[in-house]
């Protein structure tokens, strides 16, 4: 009888362990994103979506979308008001032009620096890389995605498109998100990073 009892307890623990199976992620970026989205104090999700949230949907990691770009800095560019999804205007300037090869073709993207973030502790060296591509509105968010970069020491920058994420307004319209400038359109499918959010 005691052996049967021990077996039942063991099976019960095994069942609980399976039910609480930890989600596995391909990259630290994916794990970090999910951790933040599950944290009610940080998550951009609406409360109703947070209750049922398990994980963001990611494209598979693809090393072909980790590229080395040269940057042509543009220190004399003027500040301008970048439109957002609300009436707010975001004061930005083109920090530089990134040139790189992807899937055998040459591309360029403007990388931006925000006036407000430059004065925010911890974000003094933050650069903002928004882009559009041919997955928008299908498998990825229709308004394009963002990549976070830092001011480089030299004239090269690594761009990891696997770390492309959706603006917060993709999850909750209360957020004010910069609208990706059309000049930052890539004429190909960037099948990496965060996919469109299905509400």
C-alpha atoms as a PDB file:
ATOM      1  CA  UNK A   1       0.000   0.000   0.000  1.00  0.00           C
ATOM      2  CA  UNK A   2       2.855   2.345   0.906  1.00  0.00           C
ATOM      3  CA  UNK A   3       4.550   1.711  -2.464  1.00  0.00           C
ATOM      4  CA  UNK A   4       1.323   2.603  -4.304  1.00  0.00           C
ATOM      5  CA  UNK A   5       1.050   5.806  -2.238  1.00  0.00           C
ATOM      6  CA  UNK A   6       4.645   6.814  -3.089  1.00  0.00           C
ATOM      7  CA  UNK A   7       4.011   6.103  -6.772  1.00  0.00           C
ATOM      8  CA  UNK A   8       0.902   8.290  -6.737  1.00  0.00           C
ATOM      9  CA  UNK A   9       2.806  11.166  -5.087  1.00  0.00           C
ATOM     10  CA  UNK A  10       5.649  10.854  -7.618  1.00  0.00           C
ATOM     11  CA  UNK A  11       3.221  10.879 -10.546  1.00  0.00           C
ATOM     12  CA  UNK A  12       1.459  13.910  -9.072  1.00  0.00           C
ATOM     13  CA  UNK A  13       4.715  15.901  -8.832  1.00  0.00           C
ATOM     14  CA  UNK A  14       5.682  14.866 -12.358  1.00  0.00           C
ATOM     15  CA  UNK A  15       2.317  16.044 -13.655  1.00  0.00           C
ATOM     16  CA  UNK A  16       2.701  19.428 -11.905  1.00  0.00           C
ATOM     17  CA  UNK A  17       6.204  19.826 -13.295  1.00  0.00           C
ATOM     18  CA  UNK A  18       4.913  19.205 -16.802  1.00  0.00           C
ATOM     19  CA  UNK A  19       2.095  21.717 -16.350  1.00  0.00           C
ATOM     20  CA  UNK A  20       4.601  24.337 -15.137  1.00  0.00           C
ATOM     21  CA  UNK A  21       7.035  23.593 -17.944  1.00  0.00           C
ATOM     22  CA  UNK A  22       9.197  26.650 -18.567  1.00  0.00           C
ATOM     23  CA  UNK A  23       8.960  28.165 -22.016  1.00  0.00           C
ATOM     24  CA  UNK A  24      12.190  27.857 -23.951  1.00  0.00           C
ATOM     25  CA  UNK A  25      13.423  30.721 -26.123  1.00  0.00           C
ATOM     26  CA  UNK A  26      15.949  30.784 -28.934  1.00  0.00           C
ATOM     27  CA  UNK A  27      17.676  33.985 -27.817  1.00  0.00           C
ATOM     28  CA  UNK A  28      18.141  36.134 -24.674  1.00  0.00           C
ATOM     29  CA  UNK A  29      16.215  38.881 -26.511  1.00  0.00           C
ATOM     30  CA  UNK A  30      13.130  36.651 -26.767  1.00  0.00           C
ATOM     31  CA  UNK A  31      13.335  35.709 -23.094  1.00  0.00           C
ATOM     32  CA  UNK A  32      13.792  39.348 -22.038  1.00  0.00           C
ATOM     33  CA  UNK A  33      10.794  40.484 -24.104  1.00  0.00           C
ATOM     34  CA  UNK A  34       8.524  37.822 -22.620  1.00  0.00           C
ATOM     35  CA  UNK A  35       9.687  38.565 -19.075  1.00  0.00           C
ATOM     36  CA  UNK A  36       8.841  42.252 -19.529  1.00  0.00           C
ATOM     37  CA  UNK A  37       5.463  41.526 -21.123  1.00  0.00           C
ATOM     38  CA  UNK A  38       4.471  39.233 -18.246  1.00  0.00           C
ATOM     39  CA  UNK A  39       5.394  41.874 -15.653  1.00  0.00           C
ATOM     40  CA  UNK A  40       2.253  43.936 -15.012  1.00  0.00           C
ATOM     41  CA  UNK A  41       4.380  46.921 -13.915  1.00  0.00           C
ATOM     42  CA  UNK A  42       6.179  47.031 -17.297  1.00  0.00           C
ATOM     43  CA  UNK A  43       3.886  45.327 -19.784  1.00  0.00           C
ATOM     44  CA  UNK A  44       2.225  47.404 -22.517  1.00  0.00           C
ATOM     45  CA  UNK A  45      -0.583  44.844 -22.714  1.00  0.00           C
ATOM     46  CA  UNK A  46      -4.125  45.714 -21.727  1.00  0.00           C
ATOM     47  CA  UNK A  47      -5.218  44.035 -18.503  1.00  0.00           C
ATOM     48  CA  UNK A  48      -7.563  41.678 -20.360  1.00  0.00           C
ATOM     49  CA  UNK A  49      -4.734  40.565 -22.674  1.00  0.00           C
ATOM     50  CA  UNK A  50      -2.266  40.246 -19.800  1.00  0.00           C
ATOM     51  CA  UNK A  51      -4.532  37.731 -18.054  1.00  0.00           C
ATOM     52  CA  UNK A  52      -4.249  35.269 -20.950  1.00  0.00           C
ATOM     53  CA  UNK A  53      -0.726  36.148 -22.101  1.00  0.00           C
ATOM     54  CA  UNK A  54       1.725  33.254 -22.389  1.00  0.00           C
ATOM     55  CA  UNK A  55       4.309  34.371 -24.931  1.00  0.00           C
ATOM     56  CA  UNK A  56       4.959  36.726 -27.799  1.00  0.00           C
ATOM     57  CA  UNK A  57       5.120  35.113 -31.219  1.00  0.00           C
ATOM     58  CA  UNK A  58       8.583  35.214 -32.779  1.00  0.00           C
ATOM     59  CA  UNK A  59       9.927  34.346 -36.190  1.00  0.00           C
ATOM     60  CA  UNK A  60      12.686  31.692 -35.992  1.00  0.00           C
ATOM     61  CA  UNK A  61      16.173  33.086 -35.424  1.00  0.00           C
ATOM     62  CA  UNK A  62      18.128  33.528 -38.673  1.00  0.00           C
ATOM     63  CA  UNK A  63      21.822  34.497 -38.544  1.00  0.00           C
ATOM     64  CA  UNK A  64      21.568  35.849 -42.121  1.00  0.00           C
ATOM     65  CA  UNK A  65      19.716  38.821 -40.607  1.00  0.00           C
ATOM     66  CA  UNK A  66      22.620  39.782 -38.347  1.00  0.00           C
ATOM     67  CA  UNK A  67      24.534  42.256 -40.488  1.00  0.00           C
ATOM     68  CA  UNK A  68      27.517  44.562 -40.149  1.00  0.00           C
ATOM     69  CA  UNK A  69      26.661  48.070 -41.307  1.00  0.00           C
ATOM     70  CA  UNK A  70      28.868  51.072 -41.939  1.00  0.00           C
ATOM     71  CA  UNK A  71      27.561  54.317 -40.545  1.00  0.00           C
ATOM     72  CA  UNK A  72      27.960  57.723 -42.115  1.00  0.00           C
ATOM     73  CA  UNK A  73      27.339  60.113 -39.248  1.00  0.00           C
ATOM     74  CA  UNK A  74      25.386  63.286 -40.030  1.00  0.00           C
ATOM     75  CA  UNK A  75      26.236  65.680 -37.181  1.00  0.00           C
ATOM     76  CA  UNK A  76      24.834  68.745 -38.942  1.00  0.00           C
ATOM     77  CA  UNK A  77      21.295  67.460 -39.472  1.00  0.00           C
ATOM     78  CA  UNK A  78      18.534  69.580 -37.992  1.00  0.00           C
ATOM     79  CA  UNK A  79      16.049  68.436 -35.387  1.00  0.00           C
ATOM     80  CA  UNK A  80      12.576  67.741 -36.764  1.00  0.00           C
ATOM     81  CA  UNK A  81       9.185  66.699 -35.423  1.00  0.00           C
ATOM     82  CA  UNK A  82       8.584  63.025 -36.147  1.00  0.00           C
ATOM     83  CA  UNK A  83       4.879  62.194 -36.290  1.00  0.00           C
ATOM     84  CA  UNK A  84       3.464  59.669 -33.858  1.00  0.00           C
ATOM     85  CA  UNK A  85       0.249  57.654 -33.577  1.00  0.00           C
ATOM     86  CA  UNK A  86      -1.183  60.444 -31.399  1.00  0.00           C
ATOM     87  CA  UNK A  87      -1.011  64.252 -31.585  1.00  0.00           C
ATOM     88  CA  UNK A  88       2.376  64.174 -29.872  1.00  0.00           C
ATOM     89  CA  UNK A  89       5.439  65.046 -31.943  1.00  0.00           C
ATOM     90  CA  UNK A  90       8.773  63.417 -31.192  1.00  0.00           C
ATOM     91  CA  UNK A  91      11.813  65.671 -31.593  1.00  0.00           C
ATOM     92  CA  UNK A  92      14.354  63.620 -33.568  1.00  0.00           C
ATOM     93  CA  UNK A  93      17.365  64.045 -35.810  1.00  0.00           C
ATOM     94  CA  UNK A  94      19.063  61.739 -38.290  1.00  0.00           C
ATOM     95  CA  UNK A  95      22.154  60.585 -36.403  1.00  0.00           C
ATOM     96  CA  UNK A  96      23.541  58.789 -39.435  1.00  0.00           C
ATOM     97  CA  UNK A  97      22.943  56.617 -42.476  1.00  0.00           C
ATOM     98  CA  UNK A  98      23.507  52.868 -42.159  1.00  0.00           C
ATOM     99  CA  UNK A  99      24.669  50.970 -45.263  1.00  0.00           C
ATOM    100  CA  UNK A 100      24.691  47.177 -45.349  1.00  0.00           C
ATOM    101  CA  UNK A 101      24.209  44.045 -47.424  1.00  0.00           C
ATOM    102  CA  UNK A 102      21.236  41.749 -46.837  1.00  0.00           C
ATOM    103  CA  UNK A 103      20.285  38.713 -48.904  1.00  0.00           C
ATOM    104  CA  UNK A 104      22.807  39.769 -51.551  1.00  0.00           C
ATOM    105  CA  UNK A 105      21.458  43.310 -51.996  1.00  0.00           C
ATOM    106  CA  UNK A 106      22.569  46.713 -50.715  1.00  0.00           C
ATOM    107  CA  UNK A 107      20.326  48.737 -48.406  1.00  0.00           C
ATOM    108  CA  UNK A 108      20.400  51.980 -46.446  1.00  0.00           C
ATOM    109  CA  UNK A 109      18.463  53.031 -43.369  1.00  0.00           C
ATOM    110  CA  UNK A 110      18.407  56.268 -41.399  1.00  0.00           C
ATOM    111  CA  UNK A 111      19.104  55.847 -37.701  1.00  0.00           C
ATOM    112  CA  UNK A 112      17.624  58.487 -35.399  1.00  0.00           C
ATOM    113  CA  UNK A 113      18.463  60.131 -32.104  1.00  0.00           C
ATOM    114  CA  UNK A 114      15.767  61.586 -29.841  1.00  0.00           C
ATOM    115  CA  UNK A 115      16.300  64.929 -28.122  1.00  0.00           C
ATOM    116  CA  UNK A 116      14.338  63.922 -25.020  1.00  0.00           C
ATOM    117  CA  UNK A 117      16.081  60.568 -24.616  1.00  0.00           C
ATOM    118  CA  UNK A 118      19.500  62.208 -24.915  1.00  0.00           C
ATOM    119  CA  UNK A 119      18.698  63.980 -21.655  1.00  0.00           C
ATOM    120  CA  UNK A 120      17.361  60.838 -19.932  1.00  0.00           C
ATOM    121  CA  UNK A 121      19.723  58.948 -17.641  1.00  0.00           C
ATOM    122  CA  UNK A 122      20.718  55.626 -19.150  1.00  0.00           C
ATOM    123  CA  UNK A 123      19.606  56.589 -22.663  1.00  0.00           C
ATOM    124  CA  UNK A 124      22.188  59.242 -23.545  1.00  0.00           C
ATOM    125  CA  UNK A 125      23.704  56.970 -26.222  1.00  0.00           C
ATOM    126  CA  UNK A 126      20.452  55.432 -27.428  1.00  0.00           C
ATOM    127  CA  UNK A 127      19.730  55.300 -31.165  1.00  0.00           C
ATOM    128  CA  UNK A 128      16.380  54.479 -32.740  1.00  0.00           C
ATOM    129  CA  UNK A 129      16.162  52.345 -35.889  1.00  0.00           C
ATOM    130  CA  UNK A 130      12.593  52.070 -37.188  1.00  0.00           C
ATOM    131  CA  UNK A 131      11.941  50.199 -40.430  1.00  0.00           C
ATOM    132  CA  UNK A 132       9.245  48.901 -42.757  1.00  0.00           C
ATOM    133  CA  UNK A 133       9.404  45.719 -44.822  1.00  0.00           C
ATOM    134  CA  UNK A 134       7.255  43.395 -46.914  1.00  0.00           C
ATOM    135  CA  UNK A 135       5.935  41.395 -43.944  1.00  0.00           C
ATOM    136  CA  UNK A 136       4.081  44.416 -42.518  1.00  0.00           C
ATOM    137  CA  UNK A 137       0.344  43.920 -42.316  1.00  0.00           C
ATOM    138  CA  UNK A 138       0.696  40.177 -42.906  1.00  0.00           C
ATOM    139  CA  UNK A 139       2.973  38.314 -40.510  1.00  0.00           C
ATOM    140  CA  UNK A 140       4.341  41.403 -38.762  1.00  0.00           C
ATOM    141  CA  UNK A 141       2.776  44.591 -37.389  1.00  0.00           C
ATOM    142  CA  UNK A 142       1.398  46.841 -40.132  1.00  0.00           C
ATOM    143  CA  UNK A 143       3.096  49.971 -38.837  1.00  0.00           C
ATOM    144  CA  UNK A 144       6.620  48.564 -38.992  1.00  0.00           C
ATOM    145  CA  UNK A 145       9.044  47.618 -36.240  1.00  0.00           C
ATOM    146  CA  UNK A 146      11.888  49.093 -34.212  1.00  0.00           C
ATOM    147  CA  UNK A 147      15.435  48.078 -33.308  1.00  0.00           C
ATOM    148  CA  UNK A 148      17.420  49.593 -30.420  1.00  0.00           C
ATOM    149  CA  UNK A 149      21.025  50.605 -31.097  1.00  0.00           C
ATOM    150  CA  UNK A 150      23.775  52.502 -29.294  1.00  0.00           C
ATOM    151  CA  UNK A 151      26.048  55.283 -30.506  1.00  0.00           C
ATOM    152  CA  UNK A 152      29.014  53.401 -31.979  1.00  0.00           C
ATOM    153  CA  UNK A 153      32.635  54.102 -31.072  1.00  0.00           C
ATOM    154  CA  UNK A 154      33.803  53.358 -34.616  1.00  0.00           C
ATOM    155  CA  UNK A 155      32.134  53.632 -38.022  1.00  0.00           C
ATOM    156  CA  UNK A 156      30.530  50.179 -37.970  1.00  0.00           C
ATOM    157  CA  UNK A 157      27.347  48.953 -36.315  1.00  0.00           C
ATOM    158  CA  UNK A 158      25.924  45.468 -35.927  1.00  0.00           C
ATOM    159  CA  UNK A 159      22.239  45.328 -36.804  1.00  0.00           C
ATOM    160  CA  UNK A 160      20.439  42.234 -35.523  1.00  0.00           C
ATOM    161  CA  UNK A 161      17.035  42.161 -37.181  1.00  0.00           C
ATOM    162  CA  UNK A 162      16.185  39.193 -34.933  1.00  0.00           C
ATOM    163  CA  UNK A 163      15.734  41.809 -32.200  1.00  0.00           C
ATOM    164  CA  UNK A 164      13.121  43.792 -34.164  1.00  0.00           C
ATOM    165  CA  UNK A 165      10.117  44.496 -31.953  1.00  0.00           C
ATOM    166  CA  UNK A 166       6.674  46.054 -32.280  1.00  0.00           C
ATOM    167  CA  UNK A 167       5.904  49.552 -31.013  1.00  0.00           C
ATOM    168  CA  UNK A 168       3.783  49.536 -27.858  1.00  0.00           C
ATOM    169  CA  UNK A 169       0.783  50.889 -29.740  1.00  0.00           C
ATOM    170  CA  UNK A 170       0.565  47.499 -31.489  1.00  0.00           C
ATOM    171  CA  UNK A 171      -0.670  46.195 -28.139  1.00  0.00           C
ATOM    172  CA  UNK A 172      -2.448  49.200 -26.679  1.00  0.00           C
ATOM    173  CA  UNK A 173      -3.628  52.331 -28.501  1.00  0.00           C
ATOM    174  CA  UNK A 174      -3.050  54.500 -25.407  1.00  0.00           C
ATOM    175  CA  UNK A 175       0.663  54.604 -26.261  1.00  0.00           C
ATOM    176  CA  UNK A 176       2.148  57.272 -28.508  1.00  0.00           C
ATOM    177  CA  UNK A 177       4.528  55.637 -30.989  1.00  0.00           C
ATOM    178  CA  UNK A 178       6.729  57.280 -33.630  1.00  0.00           C
ATOM    179  CA  UNK A 179       5.537  56.509 -37.153  1.00  0.00           C
ATOM    180  CA  UNK A 180       8.233  54.846 -39.246  1.00  0.00           C
ATOM    181  CA  UNK A 181       9.403  57.242 -42.005  1.00  0.00           C
ATOM    182  CA  UNK A 182       8.831  55.839 -45.507  1.00  0.00           C
ATOM    183  CA  UNK A 183      12.489  56.370 -46.318  1.00  0.00           C
ATOM    184  CA  UNK A 184      13.239  53.450 -43.989  1.00  0.00           C
ATOM    185  CA  UNK A 185      11.439  50.881 -46.153  1.00  0.00           C
ATOM    186  CA  UNK A 186      13.269  47.650 -46.992  1.00  0.00           C
ATOM    187  CA  UNK A 187      12.005  45.963 -50.151  1.00  0.00           C
ATOM    188  CA  UNK A 188      12.215  42.416 -48.814  1.00  0.00           C
ATOM    189  CA  UNK A 189      10.613  40.181 -46.190  1.00  0.00           C
ATOM    190  CA  UNK A 190      12.316  40.491 -42.822  1.00  0.00           C
ATOM    191  CA  UNK A 191      11.126  37.164 -41.426  1.00  0.00           C
ATOM    192  CA  UNK A 192      12.790  37.552 -38.039  1.00  0.00           C
ATOM    193  CA  UNK A 193      12.026  39.346 -34.805  1.00  0.00           C
ATOM    194  CA  UNK A 194       8.612  39.746 -33.206  1.00  0.00           C
ATOM    195  CA  UNK A 195       5.556  38.803 -35.243  1.00  0.00           C
ATOM    196  CA  UNK A 196       2.205  40.608 -35.327  1.00  0.00           C
ATOM    197  CA  UNK A 197       0.244  40.484 -32.065  1.00  0.00           C
ATOM    198  CA  UNK A 198      -3.014  38.575 -32.297  1.00  0.00           C
ATOM    199  CA  UNK A 199      -5.479  40.027 -29.807  1.00  0.00           C
END
